[in-house]
């Protein structure tokens, strides 16, 4: 996708602090972190969201790398939250499938609607 910022990142056209990378996925720090640790894992191939008939092996790869990235970021033991937003109501702002790994602080209780 020509206008996708994450596709540009994968292509090396946009700088990023890469935490992990293999043939299928890349993990990098969020440029607007919401917690002390805020890292994203994305597939290198473009998928709009979880609703895009993402192959099971890609979904498995994304989620199986969460503990690896959490360890690299130093939150494996203390804990972390993972989130994948979908659509405007889900507050997805970049329409390329991604998983947020949030940590480095105690997360608030609840996940209800925003104020």
C-alpha atoms as a PDB file:
ATOM      1  CA  UNK A   1       0.000   0.000   0.000  1.00  0.00           C
ATOM      2  CA  UNK A   2       1.617   3.207  -1.185  1.00  0.00           C
ATOM      3  CA  UNK A   3       0.148   5.459   1.503  1.00  0.00           C
ATOM      4  CA  UNK A   4       0.538   3.110   4.502  1.00  0.00           C
ATOM      5  CA  UNK A   5       3.071   4.435   7.019  1.00  0.00           C
ATOM      6  CA  UNK A   6       3.771   0.921   8.324  1.00  0.00           C
ATOM      7  CA  UNK A   7       4.406  -0.405   4.805  1.00  0.00           C
ATOM      8  CA  UNK A   8       6.842   2.471   4.336  1.00  0.00           C
ATOM      9  CA  UNK A   9       8.520   1.509   7.602  1.00  0.00           C
ATOM     10  CA  UNK A  10       8.866  -2.108   6.418  1.00  0.00           C
ATOM     11  CA  UNK A  11      10.371  -0.827   3.142  1.00  0.00           C
ATOM     12  CA  UNK A  12      12.922   1.260   5.054  1.00  0.00           C
ATOM     13  CA  UNK A  13      11.428   4.555   3.868  1.00  0.00           C
ATOM     14  CA  UNK A  14      10.434   5.652   7.385  1.00  0.00           C
ATOM     15  CA  UNK A  15      12.846   5.462  10.331  1.00  0.00           C
ATOM     16  CA  UNK A  16      11.988   3.346  13.359  1.00  0.00           C
ATOM     17  CA  UNK A  17      13.565   1.969  16.496  1.00  0.00           C
ATOM     18  CA  UNK A  18      13.388  -1.700  15.568  1.00  0.00           C
ATOM     19  CA  UNK A  19      13.256  -4.111  18.496  1.00  0.00           C
ATOM     20  CA  UNK A  20      12.809  -7.390  16.607  1.00  0.00           C
ATOM     21  CA  UNK A  21      12.622  -8.438  12.967  1.00  0.00           C
ATOM     22  CA  UNK A  22      12.376 -11.654  10.972  1.00  0.00           C
ATOM     23  CA  UNK A  23      11.105 -12.589   7.510  1.00  0.00           C
ATOM     24  CA  UNK A  24       7.424 -12.121   8.419  1.00  0.00           C
ATOM     25  CA  UNK A  25       7.119  -9.553  11.226  1.00  0.00           C
ATOM     26  CA  UNK A  26       8.802  -6.472  12.610  1.00  0.00           C
ATOM     27  CA  UNK A  27       8.507  -4.911  16.074  1.00  0.00           C
ATOM     28  CA  UNK A  28       9.330  -1.279  16.746  1.00  0.00           C
ATOM     29  CA  UNK A  29       8.764   1.363  19.397  1.00  0.00           C
ATOM     30  CA  UNK A  30       5.690   3.564  18.988  1.00  0.00           C
ATOM     31  CA  UNK A  31       6.577   7.162  18.111  1.00  0.00           C
ATOM     32  CA  UNK A  32       3.813   8.402  20.442  1.00  0.00           C
ATOM     33  CA  UNK A  33       4.138   6.071  23.446  1.00  0.00           C
ATOM     34  CA  UNK A  34       1.186   5.811  25.809  1.00  0.00           C
ATOM     35  CA  UNK A  35       3.193   3.952  28.486  1.00  0.00           C
ATOM     36  CA  UNK A  36       6.921   3.703  29.276  1.00  0.00           C
ATOM     37  CA  UNK A  37       7.046   0.606  27.048  1.00  0.00           C
ATOM     38  CA  UNK A  38       4.914   0.888  23.925  1.00  0.00           C
ATOM     39  CA  UNK A  39       6.046  -1.363  21.111  1.00  0.00           C
ATOM     40  CA  UNK A  40       4.152  -2.473  18.009  1.00  0.00           C
ATOM     41  CA  UNK A  41       4.407  -5.794  16.191  1.00  0.00           C
ATOM     42  CA  UNK A  42       3.217  -5.817  12.579  1.00  0.00           C
ATOM     43  CA  UNK A  43       3.236  -8.293   9.722  1.00  0.00           C
ATOM     44  CA  UNK A  44       5.524  -7.189   6.909  1.00  0.00           C
ATOM     45  CA  UNK A  45       2.758  -7.927   4.430  1.00  0.00           C
ATOM     46  CA  UNK A  46      -0.102  -5.440   4.474  1.00  0.00           C
ATOM     47  CA  UNK A  47      -3.341  -6.519   6.126  1.00  0.00           C
ATOM     48  CA  UNK A  48      -5.865  -3.828   7.004  1.00  0.00           C
ATOM     49  CA  UNK A  49      -6.973  -5.523  10.242  1.00  0.00           C
ATOM     50  CA  UNK A  50      -7.793  -8.887  11.805  1.00  0.00           C
ATOM     51  CA  UNK A  51     -10.827  -9.019   9.478  1.00  0.00           C
ATOM     52  CA  UNK A  52      -8.655  -9.304   6.357  1.00  0.00           C
ATOM     53  CA  UNK A  53      -8.493 -13.122   6.201  1.00  0.00           C
ATOM     54  CA  UNK A  54      -5.006 -13.010   7.655  1.00  0.00           C
ATOM     55  CA  UNK A  55      -3.371 -16.434   7.239  1.00  0.00           C
ATOM     56  CA  UNK A  56      -3.282 -18.360  10.539  1.00  0.00           C
ATOM     57  CA  UNK A  57       0.490 -18.732  10.299  1.00  0.00           C
ATOM     58  CA  UNK A  58       0.899 -14.931  10.210  1.00  0.00           C
ATOM     59  CA  UNK A  59      -1.446 -14.462  13.175  1.00  0.00           C
ATOM     60  CA  UNK A  60       0.458 -17.164  15.020  1.00  0.00           C
ATOM     61  CA  UNK A  61       3.756 -15.478  14.232  1.00  0.00           C
ATOM     62  CA  UNK A  62       2.496 -12.086  15.442  1.00  0.00           C
ATOM     63  CA  UNK A  63       1.214 -13.399  18.755  1.00  0.00           C
ATOM     64  CA  UNK A  64       4.082 -15.849  19.304  1.00  0.00           C
ATOM     65  CA  UNK A  65       6.578 -12.966  19.173  1.00  0.00           C
ATOM     66  CA  UNK A  66       4.861 -11.004  21.949  1.00  0.00           C
ATOM     67  CA  UNK A  67       6.834 -12.762  24.753  1.00  0.00           C
ATOM     68  CA  UNK A  68      10.079 -12.294  22.797  1.00  0.00           C
ATOM     69  CA  UNK A  69       9.485  -8.561  22.426  1.00  0.00           C
ATOM     70  CA  UNK A  70       8.305  -8.244  26.048  1.00  0.00           C
ATOM     71  CA  UNK A  71      11.549  -9.861  27.181  1.00  0.00           C
ATOM     72  CA  UNK A  72      13.632  -7.577  24.948  1.00  0.00           C
ATOM     73  CA  UNK A  73      11.789  -4.566  26.390  1.00  0.00           C
ATOM     74  CA  UNK A  74      12.237  -5.759  30.000  1.00  0.00           C
ATOM     75  CA  UNK A  75       8.562  -6.283  30.877  1.00  0.00           C
ATOM     76  CA  UNK A  76       8.259 -10.059  30.566  1.00  0.00           C
ATOM     77  CA  UNK A  77       8.358 -10.568  34.346  1.00  0.00           C
ATOM     78  CA  UNK A  78       6.524  -7.447  35.530  1.00  0.00           C
ATOM     79  CA  UNK A  79       3.728  -7.828  32.996  1.00  0.00           C
ATOM     80  CA  UNK A  80       2.255  -6.085  29.995  1.00  0.00           C
ATOM     81  CA  UNK A  81      -0.969  -5.573  28.067  1.00  0.00           C
ATOM     82  CA  UNK A  82      -1.496  -6.390  24.400  1.00  0.00           C
ATOM     83  CA  UNK A  83      -4.109  -4.673  22.267  1.00  0.00           C
ATOM     84  CA  UNK A  84      -5.127  -4.789  18.623  1.00  0.00           C
ATOM     85  CA  UNK A  85      -7.565  -2.066  17.606  1.00  0.00           C
ATOM     86  CA  UNK A  86      -9.961  -2.584  14.686  1.00  0.00           C
ATOM     87  CA  UNK A  87     -11.867   0.137  12.886  1.00  0.00           C
ATOM     88  CA  UNK A  88     -12.764   3.668  13.891  1.00  0.00           C
ATOM     89  CA  UNK A  89     -14.876   2.631  16.893  1.00  0.00           C
ATOM     90  CA  UNK A  90     -11.957   0.488  18.053  1.00  0.00           C
ATOM     91  CA  UNK A  91      -9.701   3.544  17.655  1.00  0.00           C
ATOM     92  CA  UNK A  92      -7.545   2.051  14.916  1.00  0.00           C
ATOM     93  CA  UNK A  93      -5.555   4.984  13.534  1.00  0.00           C
ATOM     94  CA  UNK A  94      -3.130   3.158  11.234  1.00  0.00           C
ATOM     95  CA  UNK A  95      -4.962   0.727   8.990  1.00  0.00           C
ATOM     96  CA  UNK A  96      -2.263  -1.943   8.904  1.00  0.00           C
ATOM     97  CA  UNK A  97      -2.745  -4.844  11.311  1.00  0.00           C
ATOM     98  CA  UNK A  98      -0.677  -4.304  14.452  1.00  0.00           C
ATOM     99  CA  UNK A  99      -0.436  -5.395  18.062  1.00  0.00           C
ATOM    100  CA  UNK A 100       0.446  -2.937  20.806  1.00  0.00           C
ATOM    101  CA  UNK A 101       2.589  -4.175  23.699  1.00  0.00           C
ATOM    102  CA  UNK A 102       2.127  -1.787  26.616  1.00  0.00           C
ATOM    103  CA  UNK A 103       4.070  -2.002  29.875  1.00  0.00           C
ATOM    104  CA  UNK A 104       6.535  -0.476  32.257  1.00  0.00           C
ATOM    105  CA  UNK A 105       3.759   0.749  34.546  1.00  0.00           C
ATOM    106  CA  UNK A 106       0.717  -0.620  36.349  1.00  0.00           C
ATOM    107  CA  UNK A 107      -2.165  -0.638  33.891  1.00  0.00           C
ATOM    108  CA  UNK A 108      -5.502   0.868  34.883  1.00  0.00           C
ATOM    109  CA  UNK A 109      -8.346  -1.510  35.669  1.00  0.00           C
ATOM    110  CA  UNK A 110     -11.056  -1.711  33.062  1.00  0.00           C
ATOM    111  CA  UNK A 111     -11.270  -1.270  29.349  1.00  0.00           C
ATOM    112  CA  UNK A 112     -14.618   0.441  28.967  1.00  0.00           C
ATOM    113  CA  UNK A 113     -15.562   3.211  26.538  1.00  0.00           C
ATOM    114  CA  UNK A 114     -13.503   6.404  26.459  1.00  0.00           C
ATOM    115  CA  UNK A 115     -14.801   9.525  28.140  1.00  0.00           C
END
